[in-house]
PDB file of all heavy atoms in Angstrom:
ATOM      1  N   SER A   1      72.589 107.008  96.342  1.00  0.00           N
ATOM      2  CA  SER A   1      72.139 106.111  95.315  1.00  0.00           C
ATOM      3  C   SER A   1      71.594 106.913  94.108  1.00  0.00           C
ATOM      4  O   SER A   1      71.907 106.538  92.941  1.00  0.00           O
ATOM      5  CB  SER A   1      71.040 105.147  95.853  1.00  0.00           C
ATOM      6  OG  SER A   1      70.666 104.233  94.836  1.00  0.00           O
ATOM      7  N   HIS A   2      70.852 107.959  94.337  1.00  0.00           N
ATOM      8  CA  HIS A   2      70.334 108.756  93.240  1.00  0.00           C
ATOM      9  C   HIS A   2      71.434 109.446  92.469  1.00  0.00           C
ATOM     10  O   HIS A   2      71.425 109.556  91.264  1.00  0.00           O
ATOM     11  CB  HIS A   2      69.386 109.807  93.830  1.00  0.00           C
ATOM     12  CG  HIS A   2      68.781 110.720  92.770  1.00  0.00           C
ATOM     13  ND1 HIS A   2      69.082 112.056  92.669  1.00  0.00           N
ATOM     14  CD2 HIS A   2      67.868 110.445  91.779  1.00  0.00           C
ATOM     15  CE1 HIS A   2      68.400 112.587  91.673  1.00  0.00           C
ATOM     16  NE2 HIS A   2      67.637 111.651  91.109  1.00  0.00           N
ATOM     17  N   SER A   3      72.490 109.868  93.188  1.00  0.00           N
ATOM     18  CA  SER A   3      73.633 110.501  92.526  1.00  0.00           C
ATOM     19  C   SER A   3      74.305 109.553  91.554  1.00  0.00           C
ATOM     20  O   SER A   3      74.597 109.885  90.389  1.00  0.00           O
ATOM     21  CB  SER A   3      74.643 110.988  93.577  1.00  0.00           C
ATOM     22  OG  SER A   3      74.125 112.061  94.327  1.00  0.00           O
ATOM     23  N   VAL A   4      74.546 108.292  92.047  1.00  0.00           N
ATOM     24  CA  VAL A   4      75.181 107.316  91.194  1.00  0.00           C
ATOM     25  C   VAL A   4      74.332 106.980  89.997  1.00  0.00           C
ATOM     26  O   VAL A   4      74.813 106.886  88.847  1.00  0.00           O
ATOM     27  CB  VAL A   4      75.551 106.069  92.006  1.00  0.00           C
ATOM     28  CG1 VAL A   4      76.143 104.975  91.095  1.00  0.00           C
ATOM     29  CG2 VAL A   4      76.504 106.409  93.145  1.00  0.00           C
ATOM     30  N   LYS A   5      73.074 106.773  90.190  1.00  0.00           N
ATOM     31  CA  LYS A   5      72.165 106.355  89.106  1.00  0.00           C
ATOM     32  C   LYS A   5      71.927 107.512  88.091  1.00  0.00           C
ATOM     33  O   LYS A   5      71.504 107.232  86.981  1.00  0.00           O
ATOM     34  CB  LYS A   5      70.852 105.896  89.689  1.00  0.00           C
ATOM     35  CG  LYS A   5      70.939 104.560  90.474  1.00  0.00           C
ATOM     36  CD  LYS A   5      69.633 104.230  91.164  1.00  0.00           C
ATOM     37  CE  LYS A   5      69.786 102.942  91.922  1.00  0.00           C
ATOM     38  NZ  LYS A   5      68.552 102.601  92.683  1.00  0.00           N
ATOM     39  N   SER A   6      72.223 108.695  88.490  1.00  0.00           N
ATOM     40  CA  SER A   6      71.939 109.867  87.606  1.00  0.00           C
ATOM     41  C   SER A   6      73.095 110.200  86.739  1.00  0.00           C
ATOM     42  O   SER A   6      72.989 111.110  85.878  1.00  0.00           O
ATOM     43  CB  SER A   6      71.578 111.109  88.439  1.00  0.00           C
ATOM     44  OG  SER A   6      70.411 110.883  89.210  1.00  0.00           O
ATOM     45  N   MET A   7      74.211 109.520  86.880  1.00  0.00           N
ATOM     46  CA  MET A   7      75.457 109.891  86.212  1.00  0.00           C
ATOM     47  C   MET A   7      75.733 108.961  84.989  1.00  0.00           C
ATOM     48  O   MET A   7      75.451 107.786  85.012  1.00  0.00           O
ATOM     49  CB  MET A   7      76.613 109.831  87.167  1.00  0.00           C
ATOM     50  CG  MET A   7      77.847 110.615  86.761  1.00  0.00           C
ATOM     51  SD  MET A   7      78.912 110.893  88.187  1.00  0.00           S
ATOM     52  CE  MET A   7      79.200 109.235  88.767  1.00  0.00           C
ATOM     53  N   ARG A   8      76.287 109.584  83.978  1.00  0.00           N
ATOM     54  CA  ARG A   8      76.654 108.840  82.767  1.00  0.00           C
ATOM     55  C   ARG A   8      77.862 107.939  83.063  1.00  0.00           C
ATOM     56  O   ARG A   8      78.650 108.204  84.007  1.00  0.00           O
ATOM     57  CB  ARG A   8      77.007 109.794  81.608  1.00  0.00           C
ATOM     58  CG  ARG A   8      78.279 110.619  81.898  1.00  0.00           C
ATOM     59  CD  ARG A   8      78.802 111.220  80.602  1.00  0.00           C
ATOM     60  NE  ARG A   8      79.955 112.101  80.841  1.00  0.00           N
ATOM     61  CZ  ARG A   8      81.229 111.671  81.041  1.00  0.00           C
ATOM     62  NH1 ARG A   8      81.471 110.394  81.028  1.00  0.00           N
ATOM     63  NH2 ARG A   8      82.187 112.537  81.249  1.00  0.00           N
ATOM     64  N   PRO A   9      78.124 106.939  82.236  1.00  0.00           N
ATOM     65  CA  PRO A   9      79.336 106.181  82.378  1.00  0.00           C
ATOM     66  C   PRO A   9      80.571 107.069  82.255  1.00  0.00           C
ATOM     67  O   PRO A   9      80.620 107.949  81.393  1.00  0.00           O
ATOM     68  CB  PRO A   9      79.251 105.138  81.226  1.00  0.00           C
ATOM     69  CG  PRO A   9      77.804 105.045  80.956  1.00  0.00           C
ATOM     70  CD  PRO A   9      77.192 106.374  81.213  1.00  0.00           C
ATOM     71  N   GLY A  10      81.513 106.839  83.160  1.00  0.00           N
ATOM     72  CA  GLY A  10      82.733 107.642  83.125  1.00  0.00           C
ATOM     73  C   GLY A  10      82.613 108.947  83.819  1.00  0.00           C
ATOM     74  O   GLY A  10      83.561 109.756  83.860  1.00  0.00           O
ATOM     75  N   GLY A  11      81.447 109.256  84.405  1.00  0.00           N
ATOM     76  CA  GLY A  11      81.251 110.505  85.098  1.00  0.00           C
ATOM     77  C   GLY A  11      81.916 110.563  86.473  1.00  0.00           C
ATOM     78  O   GLY A  11      82.553 109.603  86.934  1.00  0.00           O
ATOM     79  N   THR A  12      81.797 111.756  87.120  1.00  0.00           N
ATOM     80  CA  THR A  12      82.486 111.968  88.409  1.00  0.00           C
ATOM     81  C   THR A  12      81.510 112.480  89.453  1.00  0.00           C
ATOM     82  O   THR A  12      80.787 113.467  89.207  1.00  0.00           O
ATOM     83  CB  THR A  12      83.645 112.967  88.221  1.00  0.00           C
ATOM     84  OG1 THR A  12      84.561 112.484  87.271  1.00  0.00           O
ATOM     85  CG2 THR A  12      84.347 113.193  89.534  1.00  0.00           C
ATOM     86  N   ILE A  13      81.501 111.805  90.598  1.00  0.00           N
ATOM     87  CA  ILE A  13      80.849 112.363  91.774  1.00  0.00           C
ATOM     88  C   ILE A  13      81.898 113.049  92.599  1.00  0.00           C
ATOM     89  O   ILE A  13      82.892 112.441  92.985  1.00  0.00           O
ATOM     90  CB  ILE A  13      80.155 111.282  92.604  1.00  0.00           C
ATOM     91  CG1 ILE A  13      79.043 110.616  91.846  1.00  0.00           C
ATOM     92  CG2 ILE A  13      79.621 111.893  93.921  1.00  0.00           C
ATOM     93  CD1 ILE A  13      78.362 109.491  92.592  1.00  0.00           C
ATOM     94  N   VAL A  14      81.661 114.327  92.920  1.00  0.00           N
ATOM     95  CA  VAL A  14      82.558 115.057  93.851  1.00  0.00           C
ATOM     96  C   VAL A  14      81.783 115.222  95.126  1.00  0.00           C
ATOM     97  O   VAL A  14      80.705 115.770  95.143  1.00  0.00           O
ATOM     98  CB  VAL A  14      82.978 116.421  93.237  1.00  0.00           C
ATOM     99  CG1 VAL A  14      83.986 117.077  94.178  1.00  0.00           C
ATOM    100  CG2 VAL A  14      83.484 116.277  91.813  1.00  0.00           C
ATOM    101  N   ILE A  15      82.399 114.695  96.225  1.00  0.00           N
ATOM    102  CA  ILE A  15      81.689 114.723  97.506  1.00  0.00           C
ATOM    103  C   ILE A  15      82.520 115.590  98.502  1.00  0.00           C
ATOM    104  O   ILE A  15      83.704 115.387  98.655  1.00  0.00           O
ATOM    105  CB  ILE A  15      81.463 113.285  98.025  1.00  0.00           C
ATOM    106  CG1 ILE A  15      80.723 113.329  99.365  1.00  0.00           C
ATOM    107  CG2 ILE A  15      82.733 112.486  98.095  1.00  0.00           C
ATOM    108  CD1 ILE A  15      80.178 112.005  99.824  1.00  0.00           C
ATOM    109  N   ALA A  16      81.799 116.473  99.154  1.00  0.00           N
ATOM    110  CA  ALA A  16      82.465 117.347 100.129  1.00  0.00           C
ATOM    111  C   ALA A  16      81.698 117.417 101.454  1.00  0.00           C
ATOM    112  O   ALA A  16      81.883 118.323 102.247  1.00  0.00           O
ATOM    113  CB  ALA A  16      82.657 118.744  99.551  1.00  0.00           C
ATOM    114  N   GLY A  17      80.774 116.497 101.634  1.00  0.00           N
ATOM    115  CA  GLY A  17      79.990 116.543 102.830  1.00  0.00           C
ATOM    116  C   GLY A  17      78.960 115.403 102.891  1.00  0.00           C
ATOM    117  O   GLY A  17      78.723 114.766 101.874  1.00  0.00           O
ATOM    118  N   ALA A  18      78.417 115.159 104.066  1.00  0.00           N
ATOM    119  CA  ALA A  18      77.415 114.121 104.231  1.00  0.00           C
ATOM    120  C   ALA A  18      76.499 114.526 105.354  1.00  0.00           C
ATOM    121  O   ALA A  18      76.486 113.893 106.430  1.00  0.00           O
ATOM    122  CB  ALA A  18      78.132 112.791 104.526  1.00  0.00           C
ATOM    123  N   THR A  19      75.716 115.561 105.116  1.00  0.00           N
ATOM    124  CA  THR A  19      74.859 116.115 106.184  1.00  0.00           C
ATOM    125  C   THR A  19      73.778 115.145 106.581  1.00  0.00           C
ATOM    126  O   THR A  19      73.261 115.250 107.726  1.00  0.00           O
ATOM    127  CB  THR A  19      74.202 117.417 105.732  1.00  0.00           C
ATOM    128  OG1 THR A  19      73.470 117.199 104.520  1.00  0.00           O
ATOM    129  CG2 THR A  19      75.256 118.472 105.488  1.00  0.00           C
ATOM    130  N   SER A  20      73.444 114.147 105.769  1.00  0.00           N
ATOM    131  CA  SER A  20      72.428 113.159 106.141  1.00  0.00           C
ATOM    132  C   SER A  20      73.031 111.861 106.630  1.00  0.00           C
ATOM    133  O   SER A  20      72.339 110.862 106.837  1.00  0.00           O
ATOM    134  CB  SER A  20      71.494 112.850 104.922  1.00  0.00           C
ATOM    135  OG  SER A  20      72.220 112.226 103.892  1.00  0.00           O
ATOM    136  N   GLY A  21      74.360 111.838 106.802  1.00  0.00           N
ATOM    137  CA  GLY A  21      75.049 110.648 107.256  1.00  0.00           C
ATOM    138  C   GLY A  21      75.973 110.102 106.193  1.00  0.00           C
ATOM    139  O   GLY A  21      75.768 110.368 104.970  1.00  0.00           O
ATOM    140  N   ASP A  22      76.983 109.347 106.583  1.00  0.00           N
ATOM    141  CA  ASP A  22      77.965 108.907 105.630  1.00  0.00           C
ATOM    142  C   ASP A  22      77.908 107.358 105.378  1.00  0.00           C
ATOM    143  O   ASP A  22      78.894 106.749 104.911  1.00  0.00           O
ATOM    144  CB  ASP A  22      79.414 109.259 106.055  1.00  0.00           C
ATOM    145  CG  ASP A  22      79.785 108.621 107.391  1.00  0.00           C
ATOM    146  OD1 ASP A  22      79.000 107.907 107.985  1.00  0.00           O
ATOM    147  OD2 ASP A  22      80.939 108.896 107.824  1.00  0.00           O
ATOM    148  N   ALA A  23      76.788 106.752 105.705  1.00  0.00           N
ATOM    149  CA  ALA A  23      76.648 105.301 105.490  1.00  0.00           C
ATOM    150  C   ALA A  23      75.413 105.003 104.675  1.00  0.00           C
ATOM    151  O   ALA A  23      74.330 104.625 105.251  1.00  0.00           O
ATOM    152  CB  ALA A  23      76.619 104.576 106.856  1.00  0.00           C
ATOM    153  N   PRO A  24      75.442 105.196 103.337  1.00  0.00           N
ATOM    154  CA  PRO A  24      74.230 104.904 102.533  1.00  0.00           C
ATOM    155  C   PRO A  24      73.861 103.419 102.601  1.00  0.00           C
ATOM    156  O   PRO A  24      74.698 102.562 102.742  1.00  0.00           O
ATOM    157  CB  PRO A  24      74.715 105.290 101.122  1.00  0.00           C
ATOM    158  CG  PRO A  24      76.193 105.224 101.160  1.00  0.00           C
ATOM    159  CD  PRO A  24      76.602 105.591 102.565  1.00  0.00           C
ATOM    160  N   LYS A  25      72.554 103.130 102.433  1.00  0.00           N
ATOM    161  CA  LYS A  25      72.077 101.773 102.469  1.00  0.00           C
ATOM    162  C   LYS A  25      72.631 100.999 101.301  1.00  0.00           C
ATOM    163  O   LYS A  25      72.899  99.794 101.414  1.00  0.00           O
ATOM    164  CB  LYS A  25      70.533 101.741 102.440  1.00  0.00           C
ATOM    165  CG  LYS A  25      69.910 102.304 103.697  1.00  0.00           C
ATOM    166  CD  LYS A  25      68.374 102.223 103.617  1.00  0.00           C
ATOM    167  CE  LYS A  25      67.740 102.744 104.852  1.00  0.00           C
ATOM    168  NZ  LYS A  25      66.228 102.700 104.760  1.00  0.00           N
ATOM    169  N   ALA A  26      72.798 101.648 100.161  1.00  0.00           N
ATOM    170  CA  ALA A  26      73.351 100.982  98.949  1.00  0.00           C
ATOM    171  C   ALA A  26      74.512 101.795  98.468  1.00  0.00           C
ATOM    172  O   ALA A  26      74.388 102.947  98.041  1.00  0.00           O
ATOM    173  CB  ALA A  26      72.273 100.854  97.889  1.00  0.00           C
ATOM    174  N   ALA A  27      75.739 101.235  98.501  1.00  0.00           N
ATOM    175  CA  ALA A  27      76.904 101.922  98.037  1.00  0.00           C
ATOM    176  C   ALA A  27      76.978 101.992  96.532  1.00  0.00           C
ATOM    177  O   ALA A  27      77.759 102.797  95.991  1.00  0.00           O
ATOM    178  CB  ALA A  27      78.167 101.311  98.630  1.00  0.00           C
ATOM    179  N   GLU A  28      76.216 101.139  95.843  1.00  0.00           N
ATOM    180  CA  GLU A  28      76.234 101.117  94.374  1.00  0.00           C
ATOM    181  C   GLU A  28      77.589 100.779  93.801  1.00  0.00           C
ATOM    182  O   GLU A  28      77.968 101.269  92.725  1.00  0.00           O
ATOM    183  CB  GLU A  28      75.697 102.451  93.789  1.00  0.00           C
ATOM    184  CG  GLU A  28      74.343 102.871  94.318  1.00  0.00           C
ATOM    185  CD  GLU A  28      73.175 102.038  93.720  1.00  0.00           C
ATOM    186  OE1 GLU A  28      73.442 101.239  92.787  1.00  0.00           O
ATOM    187  OE2 GLU A  28      72.047 102.231  94.182  1.00  0.00           O
ATOM    188  N   LEU A  29      78.372  99.940  94.448  1.00  0.00           N
ATOM    189  CA  LEU A  29      79.755  99.660  94.024  1.00  0.00           C
ATOM    190  C   LEU A  29      79.770  99.015  92.663  1.00  0.00           C
ATOM    191  O   LEU A  29      80.649  99.313  91.822  1.00  0.00           O
ATOM    192  CB  LEU A  29      80.467  98.826  95.052  1.00  0.00           C
ATOM    193  CG  LEU A  29      80.661  99.416  96.433  1.00  0.00           C
ATOM    194  CD1 LEU A  29      81.402  98.469  97.337  1.00  0.00           C
ATOM    195  CD2 LEU A  29      81.430 100.737  96.329  1.00  0.00           C
ATOM    196  N   THR A  30      78.822  98.079  92.369  1.00  0.00           N
ATOM    197  CA  THR A  30      78.837  97.399  91.105  1.00  0.00           C
ATOM    198  C   THR A  30      78.602  98.393  89.955  1.00  0.00           C
ATOM    199  O   THR A  30      79.291  98.378  88.945  1.00  0.00           O
ATOM    200  CB  THR A  30      77.751  96.341  91.047  1.00  0.00           C
ATOM    201  OG1 THR A  30      78.013  95.337  92.117  1.00  0.00           O
ATOM    202  CG2 THR A  30      77.704  95.632  89.705  1.00  0.00           C
ATOM    203  N   ARG A  31      77.670  99.300  90.140  1.00  0.00           N
ATOM    204  CA  ARG A  31      77.395 100.294  89.123  1.00  0.00           C
ATOM    205  C   ARG A  31      78.621 101.229  88.922  1.00  0.00           C
ATOM    206  O   ARG A  31      79.003 101.575  87.818  1.00  0.00           O
ATOM    207  CB  ARG A  31      76.192 101.167  89.508  1.00  0.00           C
ATOM    208  CG  ARG A  31      75.709 102.113  88.386  1.00  0.00           C
ATOM    209  CD  ARG A  31      74.539 102.977  88.902  1.00  0.00           C
ATOM    210  NE  ARG A  31      73.398 102.179  89.219  1.00  0.00           N
ATOM    211  CZ  ARG A  31      72.419 101.923  88.359  1.00  0.00           C
ATOM    212  NH1 ARG A  31      72.458 102.412  87.152  1.00  0.00           N
ATOM    213  NH2 ARG A  31      71.378 101.187  88.753  1.00  0.00           N
ATOM    214  N   ILE A  32      79.313 101.563  90.013  1.00  0.00           N
ATOM    215  CA  ILE A  32      80.459 102.448  89.950  1.00  0.00           C
ATOM    216  C   ILE A  32      81.568 101.839  89.168  1.00  0.00           C
ATOM    217  O   ILE A  32      82.139 102.450  88.275  1.00  0.00           O
ATOM    218  CB  ILE A  32      80.870 102.870  91.355  1.00  0.00           C
ATOM    219  CG1 ILE A  32      79.868 103.843  92.018  1.00  0.00           C
ATOM    220  CG2 ILE A  32      82.257 103.570  91.338  1.00  0.00           C
ATOM    221  CD1 ILE A  32      80.102 104.153  93.451  1.00  0.00           C
ATOM    222  N   PHE A  33      81.916 100.589  89.506  1.00  0.00           N
ATOM    223  CA  PHE A  33      83.061 100.001  88.760  1.00  0.00           C
ATOM    224  C   PHE A  33      82.694  99.585  87.349  1.00  0.00           C
ATOM    225  O   PHE A  33      83.503  99.729  86.432  1.00  0.00           O
ATOM    226  CB  PHE A  33      83.718  98.869  89.558  1.00  0.00           C
ATOM    227  CG  PHE A  33      83.004  97.504  89.547  1.00  0.00           C
ATOM    228  CD1 PHE A  33      83.014  96.714  88.396  1.00  0.00           C
ATOM    229  CD2 PHE A  33      82.426  97.050  90.693  1.00  0.00           C
ATOM    230  CE1 PHE A  33      82.372  95.497  88.343  1.00  0.00           C
ATOM    231  CE2 PHE A  33      81.767  95.774  90.703  1.00  0.00           C
ATOM    232  CZ  PHE A  33      81.756  95.020  89.534  1.00  0.00           C
ATOM    233  N   PHE A  34      81.456  99.104  87.121  1.00  0.00           N
ATOM    234  CA  PHE A  34      81.097  98.635  85.809  1.00  0.00           C
ATOM    235  C   PHE A  34      80.999  99.823  84.801  1.00  0.00           C
ATOM    236  O   PHE A  34      81.343  99.657  83.659  1.00  0.00           O
ATOM    237  CB  PHE A  34      79.778  97.838  85.848  1.00  0.00           C
ATOM    238  CG  PHE A  34      79.435  97.165  84.566  1.00  0.00           C
ATOM    239  CD1 PHE A  34      80.115  96.033  84.135  1.00  0.00           C
ATOM    240  CD2 PHE A  34      78.426  97.665  83.772  1.00  0.00           C
ATOM    241  CE1 PHE A  34      79.812  95.405  82.948  1.00  0.00           C
ATOM    242  CE2 PHE A  34      78.118  97.033  82.545  1.00  0.00           C
ATOM    243  CZ  PHE A  34      78.782  95.886  82.150  1.00  0.00           C
ATOM    244  N   GLN A  35      80.529 100.945  85.287  1.00  0.00           N
ATOM    245  CA  GLN A  35      80.399 102.091  84.433  1.00  0.00           C
ATOM    246  C   GLN A  35      81.592 103.062  84.562  1.00  0.00           C
ATOM    247  O   GLN A  35      81.556 104.153  84.039  1.00  0.00           O
ATOM    248  CB  GLN A  35      79.084 102.817  84.733  1.00  0.00           C
ATOM    249  CG  GLN A  35      77.883 101.960  84.431  1.00  0.00           C
ATOM    250  CD  GLN A  35      76.580 102.694  84.337  1.00  0.00           C
ATOM    251  OE1 GLN A  35      76.569 103.989  84.369  1.00  0.00           O
ATOM    252  NE2 GLN A  35      75.478 102.020  84.215  1.00  0.00           N
ATOM    253  N   GLN A  36      82.634 102.604  85.243  1.00  0.00           N
ATOM    254  CA  GLN A  36      83.875 103.313  85.338  1.00  0.00           C
ATOM    255  C   GLN A  36      83.706 104.761  85.824  1.00  0.00           C
ATOM    256  O   GLN A  36      84.290 105.689  85.259  1.00  0.00           O
ATOM    257  CB  GLN A  36      84.619 103.245  84.009  1.00  0.00           C
ATOM    258  CG  GLN A  36      84.936 101.840  83.543  1.00  0.00           C
ATOM    259  CD  GLN A  36      85.743 101.791  82.287  1.00  0.00           C
ATOM    260  OE1 GLN A  36      86.948 102.055  82.335  1.00  0.00           O
ATOM    261  NE2 GLN A  36      85.123 101.480  81.172  1.00  0.00           N
ATOM    262  N   MET A  37      82.907 104.920  86.849  1.00  0.00           N
ATOM    263  CA  MET A  37      82.657 106.224  87.409  1.00  0.00           C
ATOM    264  C   MET A  37      83.815 106.535  88.396  1.00  0.00           C
ATOM    265  O   MET A  37      84.481 105.690  88.878  1.00  0.00           O
ATOM    266  CB  MET A  37      81.324 106.219  88.144  1.00  0.00           C
ATOM    267  CG  MET A  37      80.140 105.987  87.255  1.00  0.00           C
ATOM    268  SD  MET A  37      78.627 105.785  88.163  1.00  0.00           S
ATOM    269  CE  MET A  37      77.408 105.728  86.846  1.00  0.00           C
ATOM    270  N   ARG A  38      83.973 107.815  88.655  1.00  0.00           N
ATOM    271  CA  ARG A  38      84.968 108.291  89.607  1.00  0.00           C
ATOM    272  C   ARG A  38      84.279 108.929  90.837  1.00  0.00           C
ATOM    273  O   ARG A  38      83.301 109.653  90.664  1.00  0.00           O
ATOM    274  CB  ARG A  38      85.920 109.280  88.923  1.00  0.00           C
ATOM    275  CG  ARG A  38      86.872 108.658  87.931  1.00  0.00           C
ATOM    276  CD  ARG A  38      87.780 109.697  87.323  1.00  0.00           C
ATOM    277  NE  ARG A  38      87.042 110.547  86.413  1.00  0.00           N
ATOM    278  CZ  ARG A  38      86.804 110.251  85.133  1.00  0.00           C
ATOM    279  NH1 ARG A  38      87.263 109.143  84.592  1.00  0.00           N
ATOM    280  NH2 ARG A  38      86.133 111.087  84.365  1.00  0.00           N
ATOM    281  N   VAL A  39      84.779 108.683  91.968  1.00  0.00           N
ATOM    282  CA  VAL A  39      84.327 109.346  93.204  1.00  0.00           C
ATOM    283  C   VAL A  39      85.501 110.124  93.728  1.00  0.00           C
ATOM    284  O   VAL A  39      86.551 109.607  94.033  1.00  0.00           O
ATOM    285  CB  VAL A  39      83.867 108.305  94.252  1.00  0.00           C
ATOM    286  CG1 VAL A  39      83.466 109.034  95.509  1.00  0.00           C
ATOM    287  CG2 VAL A  39      82.700 107.482  93.716  1.00  0.00           C
TER     288      VAL A  39
END
């Protein structure tokens, strides 16, 4: 959630691991599509 909220519109999250687990409580999907972010 912090990663998504820290990124500018149109930015990119690059993910290569999930040492704390791969099921976040909040996927932040609305923020991702509305701000046209890339995962």
